Protein backbone atom coordinates (compact mmCIF):
# COMPACT_ATOMS: atom_id res chain seq x y z
CA UNK A 1 0.10 0.22 -0.07
CA UNK A 2 1.51 2.97 -0.92
CA UNK A 3 1.91 6.47 0.99
CA UNK A 4 0.85 8.08 -2.98
CA UNK A 5 -2.17 5.98 -3.51
CA UNK A 6 -6.23 6.12 -3.12
CA UNK A 7 -5.93 2.95 -1.10
CA UNK A 8 -3.49 4.85 1.45
CA UNK A 9 -6.04 8.02 2.05
CA UNK A 10 -8.66 5.43 2.38
CA UNK A 11 -6.83 3.69 4.80
CA UNK A 12 -5.40 6.54 6.84
CA UNK A 13 -8.79 7.93 7.22
CA UNK A 14 -10.39 4.85 8.50
CA UNK A 15 -7.80 4.42 10.97
CA UNK A 16 -7.61 8.21 12.13
CA UNK A 17 -11.60 8.06 12.41
CA UNK A 18 -11.47 4.55 14.38
CA UNK A 19 -8.75 5.79 16.75
CA UNK A 20 -9.42 9.19 18.02
CA UNK A 21 -12.94 7.79 18.24
CA UNK A 22 -12.10 5.00 20.65
CA UNK A 23 -11.28 5.58 24.24
CA UNK A 24 -7.75 5.80 25.00
CA UNK A 25 -7.19 2.53 26.37
CA UNK A 26 -8.26 0.68 22.95
CA UNK A 27 -6.14 3.05 20.68
CA UNK A 28 -3.20 1.04 20.83
CA UNK A 29 -5.36 -1.66 20.00
CA UNK A 30 -6.87 -0.63 17.16
CA UNK A 31 -2.87 1.04 15.84
CA UNK A 32 -1.60 -2.86 15.93
CA UNK A 33 -4.84 -3.86 13.99
CA UNK A 34 -4.46 -1.74 11.52
CA UNK A 35 -0.58 -2.07 11.01
CA UNK A 36 -0.86 -5.57 10.74
CA UNK A 37 -3.63 -4.83 7.88
CA UNK A 38 -1.30 -2.36 6.74
CA UNK A 39 1.48 -5.00 6.12
CA UNK A 40 -1.08 -8.07 5.13
CA UNK A 41 -2.21 -5.82 2.23
CA UNK A 42 1.25 -6.56 0.40
CA UNK A 43 1.41 -10.56 1.61
CA UNK A 44 -0.69 -12.61 4.51
CA UNK A 45 1.55 -15.39 4.03
CA UNK A 46 5.15 -12.80 4.96
CA UNK A 47 2.65 -11.52 7.73
CA UNK A 48 2.89 -14.94 9.56
CA UNK A 49 6.52 -15.19 9.18
CA UNK A 50 6.82 -11.36 10.42
CA UNK A 51 4.68 -12.08 13.07
CA UNK A 52 6.57 -14.98 14.03
CA UNK A 53 10.08 -13.08 14.22
CA UNK A 54 8.70 -10.57 16.09
CA UNK A 55 7.45 -13.10 19.19
CA UNK A 56 11.60 -15.10 18.99
CA UNK A 57 12.93 -11.45 19.89
CA UNK A 58 10.01 -10.94 22.35
CA UNK A 59 11.32 -14.15 23.91
CA UNK A 60 15.30 -13.17 23.19
CA UNK A 61 14.58 -9.83 25.01
CA UNK A 62 12.29 -11.54 27.42
CA UNK A 63 15.72 -13.82 28.11
CA UNK A 64 17.94 -11.32 28.77
CA UNK A 65 16.07 -8.87 31.10
CA UNK A 66 15.66 -12.07 33.41
CA UNK A 67 18.28 -14.40 33.73
CA UNK A 68 21.51 -11.60 32.14
CA UNK A 69 22.45 -14.27 29.73
CA UNK A 70 24.22 -13.56 27.00
CA UNK A 71 23.21 -16.98 25.26
CA UNK A 72 19.37 -14.58 24.78
CA UNK A 73 21.37 -12.03 23.15
CA UNK A 74 23.24 -14.27 21.05
CA UNK A 75 20.10 -16.21 19.80
CA UNK A 76 17.74 -13.13 19.16
CA UNK A 77 20.88 -11.39 17.20
CA UNK A 78 21.26 -14.92 15.46
CA UNK A 79 17.77 -15.40 13.96
CA UNK A 80 17.29 -11.64 13.17
CA UNK A 81 20.37 -11.96 11.04
CA UNK A 82 19.83 -15.57 9.84
CA UNK A 83 16.26 -14.25 8.52
CA UNK A 84 18.33 -11.02 6.74
CA UNK A 85 20.70 -13.09 5.18
CA UNK A 86 19.01 -15.77 3.81
CA UNK A 87 16.09 -13.72 2.00
CA UNK A 88 18.46 -10.99 0.98
CA UNK A 89 21.62 -12.77 0.31
CA UNK A 90 21.36 -16.53 -0.21
CA UNK A 91 17.45 -16.50 -1.74
CA UNK A 92 18.58 -13.51 -3.95
CA UNK A 93 21.61 -15.02 -4.87
CA UNK A 94 19.91 -18.39 -5.46
CA UNK A 95 17.39 -16.88 -7.55
CA UNK A 96 19.61 -14.96 -10.15
CA UNK A 97 21.62 -18.08 -10.47
CA UNK A 98 18.51 -19.83 -11.63
CA UNK A 99 17.48 -16.94 -13.88
CA UNK A 100 20.55 -16.02 -15.36
CA UNK A 101 22.40 -18.82 -15.69
CA UNK A 102 19.86 -21.50 -16.08
CA UNK A 103 21.36 -23.87 -13.76
CA UNK A 104 18.88 -25.94 -11.65
CA UNK A 105 17.95 -26.86 -8.16
CA UNK A 106 15.32 -28.98 -6.42
CA UNK A 107 12.44 -26.77 -6.15
CA UNK A 108 13.77 -24.35 -8.55
CA UNK A 109 10.09 -22.63 -9.30
CA UNK A 110 8.96 -22.55 -6.18
CA UNK A 111 12.88 -20.70 -5.22
CA UNK A 112 11.76 -18.12 -7.77
CA UNK A 113 8.55 -16.99 -6.75
CA UNK A 114 9.78 -16.12 -3.21
CA UNK A 115 10.06 -12.35 -2.66
CA UNK A 116 11.89 -10.77 -0.50
CA UNK A 117 10.09 -9.62 2.72
CA UNK A 118 8.32 -5.99 2.50
CA UNK A 119 10.31 -3.81 5.01
CA UNK A 120 12.97 -6.96 6.46
CA UNK A 121 15.89 -4.69 6.56
CA UNK A 122 14.62 -1.93 8.03
CA UNK A 123 12.77 -4.01 10.64
CA UNK A 124 15.22 -6.21 11.61
CA UNK A 125 17.62 -3.82 12.42
CA UNK A 126 15.43 -2.35 14.95
CA UNK A 127 14.41 -5.44 16.50
CA UNK A 128 18.36 -5.70 16.52
CA UNK A 129 18.68 -2.59 17.77
CA UNK A 130 16.19 -3.79 20.69
CA UNK A 131 18.17 -6.43 21.53
CA UNK A 132 21.43 -5.00 22.18
CA UNK A 133 19.63 -2.16 24.18
CA UNK A 134 17.93 -4.65 26.88
CA UNK A 135 21.59 -6.37 26.78
CA UNK A 136 22.85 -2.96 27.84
CA UNK A 137 20.37 -2.52 29.83
CA UNK A 138 18.73 0.65 29.20
CA UNK A 139 15.44 -0.37 29.66
CA UNK A 140 14.03 -3.05 32.59
CA UNK A 141 10.88 -4.40 30.80
CA UNK A 142 9.40 -5.05 27.86
CA UNK A 143 5.85 -5.37 27.58
CA UNK A 144 4.60 -7.22 24.81
CA UNK A 145 1.83 -5.58 22.94
CA UNK A 146 4.37 -2.40 22.81
CA UNK A 147 6.74 -3.79 21.41
CA UNK A 148 4.76 -5.56 18.75
CA UNK A 149 3.34 -1.56 18.13
CA UNK A 150 6.49 -0.36 18.17
CA UNK A 151 7.90 -2.79 15.35
CA UNK A 152 4.73 -2.71 13.49
CA UNK A 153 3.92 0.95 13.62
CA UNK A 154 2.55 1.49 9.80
CA UNK A 155 3.91 4.71 8.96
CA UNK A 156 6.98 4.30 9.55
CA UNK A 157 7.34 -0.09 8.99
CA UNK A 158 8.25 -0.12 5.27
CA UNK A 159 11.41 2.10 5.14
CA UNK A 160 11.76 3.60 8.33
CA UNK A 161 12.98 5.99 10.00
CA UNK A 162 14.39 2.82 11.86
CA UNK A 163 13.50 3.94 14.98
CA UNK A 164 14.52 2.79 19.18
CA UNK A 165 12.42 1.95 21.60
CA UNK A 166 12.82 5.32 23.85
CA UNK A 167 11.58 7.21 20.13
CA UNK A 168 8.70 5.85 20.63
CA UNK A 169 7.64 3.81 24.06
CA UNK A 170 6.57 6.92 25.81
CA UNK A 171 4.46 7.85 23.74
CA UNK A 172 2.66 4.83 23.10
CA UNK A 173 0.11 5.97 26.58
CA UNK A 174 0.01 9.61 25.63
CA UNK A 175 -0.25 10.59 22.28
CA UNK A 176 -2.78 13.58 22.11
CA UNK A 177 -4.32 14.99 19.36
CA UNK A 178 -3.52 18.85 19.57
CA UNK A 179 -3.31 21.42 17.06
CA UNK A 180 0.39 21.78 16.73
CA UNK A 181 0.99 17.97 15.61
CA UNK A 182 -2.50 18.41 13.13
CA UNK A 183 -0.44 21.19 11.78
CA UNK A 184 2.86 19.29 11.21
CA UNK A 185 1.29 15.88 10.14
CA UNK A 186 -0.29 18.29 7.12
CA UNK A 187 2.77 19.87 6.18
CA UNK A 188 4.87 16.75 5.96
CA UNK A 189 2.37 14.79 4.01
CA UNK A 190 2.49 18.44 1.77
CA UNK A 191 6.30 17.77 1.65
CA UNK A 192 6.00 14.50 0.53
CA UNK A 193 3.46 14.84 -1.48
CA UNK A 194 5.77 17.74 -3.12
CA UNK A 195 9.02 15.43 -3.00
CA UNK A 196 7.78 12.11 -4.14
CA UNK A 197 5.09 12.88 -6.80
CA UNK A 198 6.26 16.56 -8.25
CA UNK A 199 9.97 16.10 -8.10
CA UNK A 200 10.95 12.62 -7.67
CA UNK A 201 8.30 11.06 -10.02
CA UNK A 202 8.81 13.83 -12.49
CA UNK A 203 12.67 13.46 -12.82
CA UNK A 204 12.11 9.76 -13.00
CA UNK A 205 10.69 10.48 -16.19
CA UNK A 206 13.89 11.79 -17.69
CA UNK A 207 16.26 9.71 -16.47
CA UNK A 208 15.38 6.52 -16.85
CA UNK A 209 15.62 6.50 -20.20
CA UNK A 210 19.23 7.53 -20.10
CA UNK A 211 20.17 5.07 -17.66
CA UNK A 212 18.47 2.76 -19.92
CA UNK A 213 20.03 3.56 -23.40
CA UNK A 214 23.31 5.16 -22.95
CA UNK A 215 24.58 5.27 -25.74
CA UNK A 216 21.61 7.27 -27.16
CA UNK A 217 22.09 10.33 -25.22
CA UNK A 218 24.87 12.34 -25.57
CA UNK A 219 27.91 13.15 -22.84
CA UNK A 220 26.62 16.11 -20.87
CA UNK A 221 22.87 14.24 -20.66
CA UNK A 222 24.62 11.17 -18.92
CA UNK A 223 26.25 13.49 -16.60
CA UNK A 224 23.00 15.46 -15.63
CA UNK A 225 21.06 11.96 -15.39
CA UNK A 226 23.44 10.83 -12.45
CA UNK A 227 22.54 14.18 -11.29
CA UNK A 228 19.16 13.18 -11.60
CA UNK A 229 19.21 10.47 -9.88
CA UNK A 230 20.30 12.04 -7.02
CA UNK A 231 17.21 14.39 -6.97
CA UNK A 232 15.14 11.52 -6.97
CA UNK A 233 16.26 9.21 -4.74
CA UNK A 234 16.99 12.13 -2.25
CA UNK A 235 12.66 13.76 -2.81
CA UNK A 236 11.74 9.50 -3.39
CA UNK A 237 13.57 8.98 0.34
CA UNK A 238 13.05 11.91 1.83
CA UNK A 239 9.42 12.28 0.74
CA UNK A 240 8.80 9.07 2.29
CA UNK A 241 10.14 10.25 5.11
CA UNK A 242 7.64 13.17 5.33
CA UNK A 243 4.73 10.77 4.47
CA UNK A 244 5.64 8.65 7.41
CA UNK A 245 6.39 11.50 10.09
CA UNK A 246 3.33 13.54 8.54
CA UNK A 247 1.17 10.23 9.17
CA UNK A 248 2.86 9.48 12.58
CA UNK A 249 2.10 12.77 13.78
CA UNK A 250 -2.07 13.28 13.08
CA UNK A 251 -2.15 10.04 15.10
CA UNK A 252 -0.40 11.63 18.17
CA UNK A 253 3.53 10.58 17.84
CA UNK A 254 6.64 12.17 16.49
CA UNK A 255 9.07 10.13 15.00
CA UNK A 256 12.69 10.86 14.46
CA UNK A 257 13.93 13.09 11.29
CA UNK A 258 15.90 11.01 8.83
CA UNK A 259 17.33 13.95 6.31
CA UNK A 260 18.36 17.04 7.18
CA UNK A 261 19.68 19.10 4.14
CA UNK A 262 22.25 16.38 3.01
CA UNK A 263 23.22 18.17 -0.69
CA UNK A 264 24.24 21.24 1.85
CA UNK A 265 26.64 19.09 3.52
CA UNK A 266 30.53 20.70 3.15
CA UNK A 267 32.20 17.72 4.31
CA UNK A 268 31.75 13.64 4.31
CA UNK A 269 31.34 13.59 7.98
CA UNK A 270 28.94 16.11 7.87
CA UNK A 271 27.11 14.24 4.91
CA UNK A 272 26.50 11.13 7.12
CA UNK A 273 24.66 13.06 9.50
CA UNK A 274 22.26 14.18 7.50
CA UNK A 275 21.14 11.27 4.96
CA UNK A 276 19.57 8.48 6.13
CA UNK A 277 20.09 9.49 9.95
CA UNK A 278 18.67 6.64 11.68
CA UNK A 279 20.59 4.10 9.46
CA UNK A 280 24.00 5.88 9.82
CA UNK A 281 23.66 6.42 13.45
CA UNK A 282 22.19 2.60 13.92
CA UNK A 283 25.84 1.73 12.23
CA UNK A 284 27.30 3.87 14.59
CA UNK A 285 25.86 2.60 18.08
CA UNK A 286 26.05 -0.95 16.99
CA UNK A 287 28.88 -1.49 14.61
CA UNK A 288 31.12 1.42 15.02
CA UNK A 289 31.25 2.20 18.42
CA UNK A 290 31.68 -1.91 20.00
CA UNK A 291 34.22 -1.95 17.46
CA UNK A 292 36.17 0.79 19.48
CA UNK A 293 34.88 4.10 17.92
CA UNK A 294 37.40 6.91 18.41
CA UNK A 295 39.05 5.37 21.33
CA UNK A 296 41.56 3.42 18.93
CA UNK A 297 44.59 3.97 16.59
CA UNK A 298 44.18 5.81 13.17
CA UNK A 299 45.05 3.14 11.59
CA UNK A 300 42.43 1.13 13.03
CA UNK A 301 39.96 4.05 13.28
CA UNK A 302 40.05 4.01 9.41
CA UNK A 303 39.62 0.43 9.13
CA UNK A 304 36.74 0.15 10.98
CA UNK A 305 35.53 3.13 9.45
CA UNK A 306 36.04 1.36 5.81
CA UNK A 307 34.72 -1.64 6.89
CA UNK A 308 30.92 -0.62 8.62
CA UNK A 309 30.65 1.70 5.82
CA UNK A 310 31.03 -0.96 3.44
CA UNK A 311 28.85 -3.04 5.40
CA UNK A 312 26.03 -0.10 5.54
CA UNK A 313 25.94 -0.34 1.36
CA UNK A 314 25.53 -4.17 1.53
CA UNK A 315 22.30 -3.53 3.95
CA UNK A 316 21.03 -2.07 0.82
CA UNK A 317 21.39 -5.04 -1.11
CA UNK A 318 23.61 -7.97 -1.98
CA UNK A 319 25.47 -6.64 -5.30
CA UNK A 320 28.87 -5.83 -5.60
CA UNK A 321 28.49 -2.07 -6.66
CA UNK A 322 26.30 -1.32 -3.38
CA UNK A 323 29.80 -3.07 -1.57
CA UNK A 324 31.89 -0.69 -3.19
CA UNK A 325 29.09 2.26 -3.11
CA UNK A 326 29.27 2.14 1.05
CA UNK A 327 33.45 1.51 0.28
CA UNK A 328 33.88 4.22 -1.57
CA UNK A 329 32.20 6.43 1.49
CA UNK A 330 34.36 4.52 3.73
CA UNK A 331 37.30 5.86 2.42
CA UNK A 332 36.63 9.23 1.85
CA UNK A 333 35.73 9.69 5.09
CA UNK A 334 38.85 7.96 5.90
CA UNK A 335 41.23 10.15 3.75
CA UNK A 336 38.74 13.65 5.12
CA UNK A 337 40.17 12.53 8.87
CA UNK A 338 43.40 11.72 7.68
CA UNK A 339 43.66 15.48 6.03
CA UNK A 340 41.55 17.84 8.07
CA UNK A 341 40.65 16.37 11.13
CA UNK A 342 37.22 16.49 12.14
CA UNK A 343 35.60 19.00 10.31
CA UNK A 344 32.77 21.43 12.08
CA UNK A 345 31.30 23.83 9.34
CA UNK A 346 30.93 26.75 12.18
CA UNK A 347 34.75 26.93 11.77
CA UNK A 348 35.03 27.16 7.80
CA UNK A 349 35.33 30.39 6.02
CA UNK A 350 32.97 31.16 2.75
CA UNK A 351 35.29 29.78 0.69
CA UNK A 352 36.14 26.72 1.97
CA UNK A 353 32.52 26.13 2.75
CA UNK A 354 32.02 26.24 -1.17
CA UNK A 355 35.06 23.88 -1.74
CA UNK A 356 33.41 20.96 0.75
CA UNK A 357 30.57 21.56 -0.90
CA UNK A 358 31.72 21.37 -4.36
CA UNK A 359 34.06 18.29 -3.25
CA UNK A 360 31.27 16.46 -1.34
CA UNK A 361 29.05 16.78 -4.03
CA UNK A 362 31.21 15.53 -7.03
CA UNK A 363 31.94 12.41 -5.04
CA UNK A 364 28.35 11.93 -3.97
CA UNK A 365 27.52 12.02 -7.51
CA UNK A 366 30.28 9.32 -8.86
CA UNK A 367 28.77 7.31 -5.54
CA UNK A 368 25.30 7.60 -6.82
CA UNK A 369 26.23 6.39 -10.55
CA UNK A 370 27.72 3.01 -8.13
CA UNK A 371 24.02 3.12 -6.34
CA UNK A 372 21.75 2.63 -9.47
CA UNK A 373 23.82 0.61 -11.48
CA UNK A 374 23.14 -3.13 -10.64
CA UNK A 375 26.76 -4.16 -12.32
CA UNK A 376 29.76 -3.06 -13.24
CA UNK A 377 29.06 -3.75 -17.34
CA UNK A 378 26.46 -1.29 -17.21
CA UNK A 379 28.33 1.16 -14.92
CA UNK A 380 31.33 1.40 -17.71
CA UNK A 381 28.70 1.01 -20.37
CA UNK A 382 27.05 4.64 -18.87
CA UNK A 383 30.49 6.42 -18.30
CA UNK A 384 32.04 5.22 -21.22
CA UNK A 385 28.84 6.53 -23.16
CA UNK A 386 29.57 10.73 -21.22
CA UNK A 387 32.20 10.88 -24.18
CA UNK A 388 29.48 11.59 -26.38
CA UNK A 389 29.45 14.22 -28.78
CA UNK A 390 26.08 13.65 -30.34
CA UNK A 391 23.00 12.33 -29.27
CA UNK A 392 19.19 12.94 -27.25
CA UNK A 393 19.17 15.55 -24.60
CA UNK A 394 17.52 16.05 -21.22
CA UNK A 395 18.98 19.27 -20.62
CA UNK A 396 15.73 21.39 -21.34
CA UNK A 397 13.70 23.37 -18.51
CA UNK A 398 11.83 20.58 -16.81
CA UNK A 399 15.17 19.16 -15.68
CA UNK A 400 16.54 22.45 -13.98
CA UNK A 401 12.61 22.92 -12.54
CA UNK A 402 13.03 19.85 -11.23
CA UNK A 403 16.90 20.47 -9.59
CA UNK A 404 16.07 23.68 -9.06
CA UNK A 405 13.04 22.14 -6.39
CA UNK A 406 15.12 19.95 -5.08
CA UNK A 407 17.89 22.25 -3.48
CA UNK A 408 14.94 24.85 -2.88
CA UNK A 409 13.53 22.51 -0.42
CA UNK A 410 16.71 21.08 1.35
CA UNK A 411 17.69 25.16 1.64
CA UNK A 412 14.08 25.36 3.65
CA UNK A 413 15.09 22.46 5.82
CA UNK A 414 18.69 23.44 6.03
CA UNK A 415 17.81 26.96 7.32
CA UNK A 416 15.00 25.67 9.50
CA UNK A 417 12.60 28.33 8.44
CA UNK A 418 9.12 26.62 9.11
CA UNK A 419 9.78 24.75 12.43
CA UNK A 420 11.01 27.81 14.98
CA UNK A 421 7.32 29.82 14.12
CA UNK A 422 5.14 26.30 12.94
CA UNK A 423 2.14 27.45 15.07
CA UNK A 424 2.22 30.72 13.57
CA UNK A 425 3.24 30.16 9.41
CA UNK A 426 0.68 26.68 9.61
CA UNK A 427 -2.44 29.51 9.88
CA UNK A 428 -1.65 30.00 6.08
CA UNK A 429 0.97 27.39 4.89
CA UNK A 430 -0.85 24.58 4.95
CA UNK A 431 -3.59 25.38 2.96
CA UNK A 432 -1.55 27.35 0.20
CA UNK A 433 1.30 24.24 0.09
CA UNK A 434 -2.61 22.72 -0.45
CA UNK A 435 -3.79 24.74 -3.23
CA UNK A 436 -0.66 24.31 -4.79
CA UNK A 437 -0.31 20.38 -4.62
CA UNK A 438 -4.56 19.94 -5.88
CA UNK A 439 -3.38 22.42 -8.58
CA UNK A 440 -0.06 20.71 -9.49
CA UNK A 441 -1.02 17.16 -9.69
CA UNK A 442 -4.23 18.15 -11.52
CA UNK A 443 -1.96 19.21 -14.32
CA UNK A 444 0.58 16.30 -13.67
CA UNK A 445 -0.62 12.99 -15.72
CA UNK A 446 1.10 10.64 -13.71
CA UNK A 447 0.86 7.05 -12.45
CA UNK A 448 1.15 6.13 -8.71
CA UNK A 449 5.01 4.97 -8.53
CA UNK A 450 6.52 2.85 -5.55
CA UNK A 451 9.03 4.01 -3.34
CA UNK A 452 13.16 3.59 -4.30
CA UNK A 453 13.73 2.33 -0.86
CA UNK A 454 11.13 -0.23 -0.70
CA UNK A 455 13.46 -2.78 -2.61
CA UNK A 456 15.47 -3.04 0.35
């Protein structure tokens, strides 16, 4: 069920009305029920699979809290990692061998028919974090239904943000309907529509033909197609997060931000405090710090950084292009540390900020080509055709308008223009933006497009 679909609109309005009309003590159960329906809409079979791992994780956490024995930590983390590794890496590799190499295994047809469970990367990391936090003594009890709602909460279920227990638990029995959350909810929903439907989906129409047939376009268009993909992936994923946060606000919950104008970063370390924030902090807290964090030698620091960023790349998928995307960013973080130490934009003058912005943008775009290409053959084909002197072009007004729109919405977020005075701004901002979005959607005939990060 896509956020940008009529089905979700009907689903959410139904949930919203029933939820707020119900007595406070029943609202938790209403959200659990609708969250189950939300996931079952995609697959009833995998809902049972998903719920089974919720139950297993719950028992592992209870074992940790009651006995403090490490075996429950190992079992809890182990079963979740095994689930992720099997479906995302082993199974998909077998499917690739069967389809591409015409190999035959017992039950080959059944193997190729199995889909990747929706949201598996996100809910696996969320449950592992919960197990680790239990082991670290960050909470003393784990009510089952609260845990179920924490994992299943439908606004963030499919593609995050990756929540921690302290982001959510204290809100479960305290969610209230207030005007501030209603305004912020509508603002985020409108922002999500603008980013996803009006920018990301429209950019996809311009750049997909280039990625599918780079030989048919001139070199400048190929370079711009990489820029266009970076615009698309930000507005697509950030738009999803806005939909998620907006839906949560309207239900009386505040869930974490996942993006803070990443394309205005002036260093690679700053970039990873602004892009996919909840994944970055997860990697920091549950991989990087256990490996020693900053309390290690410079050589060990660089190795750890490259290792965790490479694993972060593999989290996105089992292709080597994702691995090299993560590896590239790990190397860049290590080089930055060696050359400049810890970079703080507050201590940089304008010239250094501009230089940092340009360097980060160039290498982000290089990385974006790894992220989009499925293999090195397609990557080489793309960049080899960047020398074309003739061919179709995409650098028309529509392209530049979408690039400008992407950086404009980030500039607004970067400056945090709305948050400090949102109560006053919301009185006219939400209606005005709603009218703009309505007429834009009427003008643009577009089919409902899935979100890029649903594949992860």
